[in-house]
Amino acid sequence: MSARTVIVHGAADSVLEAALRAVGLVALSEADGTTVWGTRPDPATTAKVEPARPERRLLTIAEAGRILGVGRSMMYQLIARGDIESVHVGRCARVPVDAVDRLVDRLCDGYVTRTS
């Protein structure tokens, strides 16, 4: 069923309400004598929308590892060798997002793909 919306100004009589319900519409909102009728989205097929929030600047060790495709132990090795920066927030080690990008850039520098 496609999405449909009907706006009824003033009071809808019982015949109009029955006709709107017969085509699958429900009263979605009422304000100031106006009723909005429409279809409710199917929760099974509707994607959940995350509320807008600021972009994170620090990643956990595991998150940075997932982005790079390596495990937690390898991340700690990269940090110990100085290949990637980390900061501490209290006792928690975090990796700045831009440090992950810089590591990838360094790893890709000089990498040339050749075709035969």
N, C-alpha and C. Protein backbone atom coordinates (compact mmCIF):
# COMPACT_ATOMS: atom_id res chain seq x y z
N MET A 1 0.85 -1.16 0.00
CA MET A 1 0.00 0.00 0.00
C MET A 1 0.90 1.23 0.00
N SER A 2 0.61 2.20 -0.84
CA SER A 2 1.41 3.41 -0.89
C SER A 2 0.99 4.34 0.24
N ALA A 3 1.87 5.27 0.60
CA ALA A 3 1.58 6.22 1.66
C ALA A 3 0.58 7.25 1.16
N ARG A 4 -0.47 7.44 1.93
CA ARG A 4 -1.49 8.42 1.58
C ARG A 4 -1.80 9.26 2.80
N THR A 5 -2.13 10.52 2.57
CA THR A 5 -2.51 11.42 3.64
C THR A 5 -3.72 12.22 3.19
N VAL A 6 -4.70 12.34 4.10
CA VAL A 6 -5.89 13.14 3.85
C VAL A 6 -6.04 14.09 5.01
N ILE A 7 -6.23 15.37 4.72
CA ILE A 7 -6.45 16.36 5.76
C ILE A 7 -7.91 16.77 5.71
N VAL A 8 -8.61 16.61 6.83
CA VAL A 8 -10.03 16.94 6.91
C VAL A 8 -10.17 18.17 7.79
N HIS A 9 -10.66 19.27 7.21
CA HIS A 9 -10.90 20.49 7.96
C HIS A 9 -12.32 20.44 8.49
N GLY A 10 -12.47 20.68 9.77
CA GLY A 10 -13.79 20.60 10.38
C GLY A 10 -14.08 19.17 10.80
N ALA A 11 -15.27 18.95 11.31
CA ALA A 11 -15.64 17.62 11.81
C ALA A 11 -15.99 16.69 10.64
N ALA A 12 -15.44 15.50 10.67
CA ALA A 12 -15.75 14.50 9.64
C ALA A 12 -16.99 13.73 10.10
N ASP A 13 -17.93 13.55 9.19
CA ASP A 13 -19.12 12.78 9.58
C ASP A 13 -18.80 11.29 9.56
N SER A 14 -19.71 10.48 10.06
CA SER A 14 -19.46 9.05 10.20
C SER A 14 -19.26 8.37 8.85
N VAL A 15 -19.90 8.85 7.80
CA VAL A 15 -19.74 8.24 6.47
C VAL A 15 -18.32 8.47 5.96
N LEU A 16 -17.81 9.70 6.12
CA LEU A 16 -16.46 10.01 5.68
C LEU A 16 -15.43 9.21 6.49
N GLU A 17 -15.63 9.15 7.81
CA GLU A 17 -14.72 8.37 8.65
C GLU A 17 -14.70 6.91 8.24
N ALA A 18 -15.88 6.36 7.95
CA ALA A 18 -15.96 4.95 7.54
C ALA A 18 -15.25 4.75 6.20
N ALA A 19 -15.39 5.69 5.29
CA ALA A 19 -14.74 5.58 3.98
C ALA A 19 -13.21 5.65 4.13
N LEU A 20 -12.74 6.55 4.98
CA LEU A 20 -11.29 6.66 5.20
C LEU A 20 -10.73 5.39 5.84
N ARG A 21 -11.47 4.85 6.80
CA ARG A 21 -11.01 3.59 7.43
C ARG A 21 -11.07 2.43 6.44
N ALA A 22 -12.03 2.45 5.54
CA ALA A 22 -12.18 1.36 4.57
C ALA A 22 -10.99 1.28 3.62
N VAL A 23 -10.35 2.42 3.36
CA VAL A 23 -9.18 2.40 2.48
C VAL A 23 -7.88 2.29 3.28
N GLY A 24 -8.00 1.99 4.57
CA GLY A 24 -6.82 1.71 5.38
C GLY A 24 -6.19 2.91 6.07
N LEU A 25 -6.89 4.02 6.14
CA LEU A 25 -6.35 5.20 6.79
C LEU A 25 -6.81 5.26 8.25
N VAL A 26 -5.99 5.88 9.08
CA VAL A 26 -6.33 6.07 10.49
C VAL A 26 -6.10 7.54 10.83
N ALA A 27 -6.77 8.01 11.86
CA ALA A 27 -6.58 9.39 12.31
C ALA A 27 -5.23 9.48 12.99
N LEU A 28 -4.32 10.27 12.42
CA LEU A 28 -2.97 10.38 12.96
C LEU A 28 -2.85 11.51 13.97
N SER A 29 -3.50 12.64 13.71
CA SER A 29 -3.44 13.76 14.65
C SER A 29 -4.65 14.66 14.47
N GLU A 30 -4.96 15.35 15.55
CA GLU A 30 -6.08 16.29 15.52
C GLU A 30 -5.63 17.56 16.21
N ALA A 31 -5.92 18.69 15.58
CA ALA A 31 -5.60 19.99 16.18
C ALA A 31 -6.43 21.06 15.51
N ASP A 32 -6.98 21.95 16.31
CA ASP A 32 -7.74 23.11 15.82
C ASP A 32 -8.82 22.73 14.81
N GLY A 33 -9.56 21.66 15.05
CA GLY A 33 -10.64 21.25 14.17
C GLY A 33 -10.18 20.60 12.88
N THR A 34 -8.90 20.32 12.75
CA THR A 34 -8.36 19.67 11.55
C THR A 34 -7.84 18.30 11.95
N THR A 35 -8.19 17.28 11.17
CA THR A 35 -7.73 15.92 11.43
C THR A 35 -6.89 15.45 10.25
N VAL A 36 -5.74 14.90 10.56
CA VAL A 36 -4.87 14.34 9.53
C VAL A 36 -5.06 12.82 9.55
N TRP A 37 -5.46 12.27 8.41
CA TRP A 37 -5.63 10.83 8.25
C TRP A 37 -4.52 10.31 7.36
N GLY A 38 -4.00 9.15 7.67
CA GLY A 38 -2.95 8.59 6.84
C GLY A 38 -2.66 7.16 7.22
N THR A 39 -1.62 6.61 6.60
CA THR A 39 -1.22 5.24 6.90
C THR A 39 -0.07 5.30 7.90
N ARG A 40 -0.08 4.39 8.82
CA ARG A 40 1.03 4.29 9.78
C ARG A 40 2.13 3.46 9.13
N PRO A 41 3.39 3.87 9.30
CA PRO A 41 4.48 3.08 8.74
C PRO A 41 4.56 1.72 9.42
N ASP A 42 4.90 0.71 8.65
CA ASP A 42 5.05 -0.65 9.18
C ASP A 42 6.37 -0.71 9.94
N PRO A 43 6.33 -0.96 11.27
CA PRO A 43 7.57 -0.97 12.03
C PRO A 43 8.56 -2.02 11.56
N ALA A 44 8.09 -3.10 10.95
CA ALA A 44 9.00 -4.15 10.49
C ALA A 44 9.83 -3.70 9.29
N THR A 45 9.29 -2.79 8.49
CA THR A 45 10.00 -2.36 7.29
C THR A 45 10.57 -0.95 7.40
N THR A 46 10.26 -0.26 8.47
CA THR A 46 10.74 1.10 8.64
C THR A 46 12.10 1.09 9.32
N ALA A 47 13.07 1.74 8.71
CA ALA A 47 14.40 1.81 9.29
C ALA A 47 14.36 2.72 10.51
N LYS A 48 15.09 2.34 11.52
CA LYS A 48 15.17 3.16 12.72
C LYS A 48 16.11 4.33 12.45
N VAL A 49 15.68 5.51 12.82
CA VAL A 49 16.47 6.71 12.61
C VAL A 49 17.12 7.09 13.94
N GLU A 50 18.42 7.16 13.92
CA GLU A 50 19.15 7.54 15.12
C GLU A 50 19.06 9.05 15.29
N PRO A 51 18.91 9.52 16.51
CA PRO A 51 18.91 10.97 16.71
C PRO A 51 20.26 11.56 16.34
N ALA A 52 20.24 12.77 15.83
CA ALA A 52 21.48 13.42 15.43
C ALA A 52 22.33 13.69 16.67
N ARG A 53 23.60 13.39 16.56
CA ARG A 53 24.52 13.65 17.67
C ARG A 53 25.87 14.01 17.08
N PRO A 54 26.69 14.68 17.85
CA PRO A 54 28.00 15.06 17.32
C PRO A 54 28.82 13.82 16.98
N GLU A 55 29.64 13.95 15.97
CA GLU A 55 30.50 12.84 15.55
C GLU A 55 31.55 12.58 16.63
N ARG A 56 31.77 11.30 16.94
CA ARG A 56 32.75 10.94 17.96
C ARG A 56 34.16 11.21 17.45
N ARG A 57 35.02 11.65 18.34
CA ARG A 57 36.39 11.95 17.97
C ARG A 57 37.37 10.91 18.49
N LEU A 58 36.95 10.12 19.49
CA LEU A 58 37.81 9.10 20.08
C LEU A 58 37.16 7.74 19.96
N LEU A 59 37.96 6.74 19.64
CA LEU A 59 37.48 5.37 19.50
C LEU A 59 38.09 4.50 20.59
N THR A 60 37.37 3.46 21.00
CA THR A 60 37.99 2.48 21.88
C THR A 60 39.01 1.70 21.07
N ILE A 61 39.87 0.97 21.76
CA ILE A 61 40.89 0.17 21.09
C ILE A 61 40.21 -0.85 20.17
N ALA A 62 39.14 -1.48 20.65
CA ALA A 62 38.43 -2.49 19.85
C ALA A 62 37.78 -1.86 18.62
N GLU A 63 37.19 -0.67 18.77
CA GLU A 63 36.57 0.01 17.62
C GLU A 63 37.60 0.37 16.56
N ALA A 64 38.74 0.91 17.00
CA ALA A 64 39.81 1.25 16.05
C ALA A 64 40.30 -0.01 15.35
N GLY A 65 40.42 -1.10 16.09
CA GLY A 65 40.84 -2.37 15.49
C GLY A 65 39.86 -2.87 14.45
N ARG A 66 38.57 -2.74 14.74
CA ARG A 66 37.55 -3.17 13.76
C ARG A 66 37.65 -2.34 12.48
N ILE A 67 37.88 -1.05 12.63
CA ILE A 67 38.01 -0.18 11.45
C ILE A 67 39.21 -0.60 10.61
N LEU A 68 40.31 -0.94 11.28
CA LEU A 68 41.53 -1.33 10.57
C LEU A 68 41.54 -2.79 10.17
N GLY A 69 40.63 -3.56 10.72
CA GLY A 69 40.58 -4.98 10.39
C GLY A 69 41.61 -5.81 11.14
N VAL A 70 41.99 -5.34 12.33
CA VAL A 70 42.95 -6.07 13.16
C VAL A 70 42.34 -6.27 14.54
N GLY A 71 42.94 -7.16 15.30
CA GLY A 71 42.44 -7.45 16.64
C GLY A 71 42.95 -6.46 17.67
N ARG A 72 42.43 -6.64 18.88
CA ARG A 72 42.79 -5.78 19.99
C ARG A 72 44.28 -5.88 20.33
N SER A 73 44.82 -7.09 20.32
CA SER A 73 46.24 -7.27 20.64
C SER A 73 47.13 -6.55 19.62
N MET A 74 46.78 -6.66 18.35
CA MET A 74 47.56 -5.96 17.31
C MET A 74 47.46 -4.45 17.50
N MET A 75 46.31 -3.96 17.92
CA MET A 75 46.17 -2.52 18.17
C MET A 75 47.12 -2.10 19.27
N TYR A 76 47.21 -2.88 20.36
CA TYR A 76 48.13 -2.53 21.44
C TYR A 76 49.58 -2.59 20.96
N GLN A 77 49.89 -3.51 20.06
CA GLN A 77 51.25 -3.56 19.49
C GLN A 77 51.53 -2.31 18.65
N LEU A 78 50.55 -1.90 17.84
CA LEU A 78 50.72 -0.69 17.02
C LEU A 78 50.93 0.53 17.91
N ILE A 79 50.20 0.59 19.03
CA ILE A 79 50.35 1.71 19.96
C ILE A 79 51.74 1.67 20.60
N ALA A 80 52.16 0.48 21.05
CA ALA A 80 53.46 0.35 21.72
C ALA A 80 54.61 0.71 20.78
N ARG A 81 54.50 0.37 19.49
CA ARG A 81 55.56 0.68 18.50
C ARG A 81 55.52 2.14 18.07
N GLY A 82 54.46 2.85 18.44
CA GLY A 82 54.34 4.24 18.02
C GLY A 82 53.77 4.40 16.63
N ASP A 83 53.21 3.32 16.07
CA ASP A 83 52.63 3.40 14.73
C ASP A 83 51.30 4.15 14.72
N ILE A 84 50.62 4.15 15.85
CA ILE A 84 49.34 4.86 15.94
C ILE A 84 49.28 5.53 17.31
N GLU A 85 48.73 6.71 17.33
CA GLU A 85 48.65 7.48 18.58
C GLU A 85 47.48 6.99 19.43
N SER A 86 47.64 7.18 20.72
CA SER A 86 46.53 6.93 21.63
C SER A 86 46.57 7.97 22.73
N VAL A 87 45.45 8.18 23.35
CA VAL A 87 45.34 9.10 24.49
C VAL A 87 44.64 8.36 25.61
N HIS A 88 44.80 8.86 26.81
CA HIS A 88 44.11 8.27 27.94
C HIS A 88 43.09 9.26 28.49
N VAL A 89 41.90 8.76 28.72
CA VAL A 89 40.86 9.52 29.39
C VAL A 89 40.65 8.77 30.70
N GLY A 90 41.23 9.31 31.77
CA GLY A 90 41.27 8.55 33.01
C GLY A 90 42.15 7.33 32.79
N ARG A 91 41.61 6.15 33.04
CA ARG A 91 42.36 4.92 32.81
C ARG A 91 42.05 4.29 31.46
N CYS A 92 41.17 4.90 30.70
CA CYS A 92 40.72 4.32 29.42
C CYS A 92 41.61 4.81 28.27
N ALA A 93 42.14 3.86 27.53
CA ALA A 93 42.93 4.20 26.33
C ALA A 93 41.96 4.42 25.17
N ARG A 94 42.18 5.49 24.42
CA ARG A 94 41.36 5.82 23.26
C ARG A 94 42.26 6.19 22.10
N VAL A 95 41.74 5.95 20.89
CA VAL A 95 42.48 6.26 19.67
C VAL A 95 41.71 7.37 18.94
N PRO A 96 42.37 8.50 18.67
CA PRO A 96 41.69 9.55 17.90
C PRO A 96 41.35 9.06 16.49
N VAL A 97 40.19 9.45 16.00
CA VAL A 97 39.75 9.03 14.67
C VAL A 97 40.77 9.44 13.62
N ASP A 98 41.29 10.66 13.72
CA ASP A 98 42.26 11.10 12.71
C ASP A 98 43.58 10.33 12.78
N ALA A 99 43.90 9.73 13.93
CA ALA A 99 45.11 8.89 14.02
C ALA A 99 44.94 7.63 13.18
N VAL A 100 43.72 7.08 13.16
CA VAL A 100 43.44 5.91 12.32
C VAL A 100 43.61 6.30 10.85
N ASP A 101 43.07 7.46 10.47
CA ASP A 101 43.20 7.92 9.08
C ASP A 101 44.66 8.13 8.70
N ARG A 102 45.44 8.73 9.60
CA ARG A 102 46.87 8.97 9.30
C ARG A 102 47.62 7.66 9.13
N LEU A 103 47.32 6.65 9.97
CA LEU A 103 47.98 5.35 9.82
C LEU A 103 47.66 4.73 8.47
N VAL A 104 46.41 4.77 8.08
CA VAL A 104 46.02 4.21 6.78
C VAL A 104 46.73 4.95 5.66
N ASP A 105 46.80 6.28 5.75
CA ASP A 105 47.51 7.06 4.73
C ASP A 105 48.98 6.66 4.64
N ARG A 106 49.64 6.49 5.81
CA ARG A 106 51.05 6.09 5.80
C ARG A 106 51.23 4.70 5.21
N LEU A 107 50.31 3.79 5.56
CA LEU A 107 50.41 2.43 5.02
C LEU A 107 50.20 2.40 3.51
N CYS A 108 49.37 3.31 3.01
CA CYS A 108 49.07 3.33 1.58
C CYS A 108 50.06 4.15 0.77
N ASP A 109 50.88 4.99 1.42
CA ASP A 109 51.87 5.79 0.68
C ASP A 109 52.83 4.85 -0.05
N GLY A 110 53.03 5.11 -1.32
CA GLY A 110 53.95 4.31 -2.11
C GLY A 110 53.36 3.02 -2.63
N TYR A 111 52.14 2.71 -2.20
CA TYR A 111 51.50 1.48 -2.71
C TYR A 111 50.97 1.77 -4.09
N VAL A 112 51.43 1.01 -5.06
CA VAL A 112 51.03 1.23 -6.45
C VAL A 112 50.41 -0.06 -6.95
N THR A 113 49.24 0.05 -7.55
CA THR A 113 48.64 -1.15 -8.15
C THR A 113 49.10 -1.26 -9.58
N ARG A 114 49.44 -2.43 -10.00
CA ARG A 114 49.91 -2.67 -11.36
C ARG A 114 48.97 -3.66 -12.02
N THR A 115 48.68 -3.38 -13.26
CA THR A 115 47.88 -4.31 -14.05
C THR A 115 48.75 -4.90 -15.14
N SER A 116 48.53 -6.15 -15.46
CA SER A 116 49.36 -6.79 -16.49
C SER A 116 48.80 -6.55 -17.86
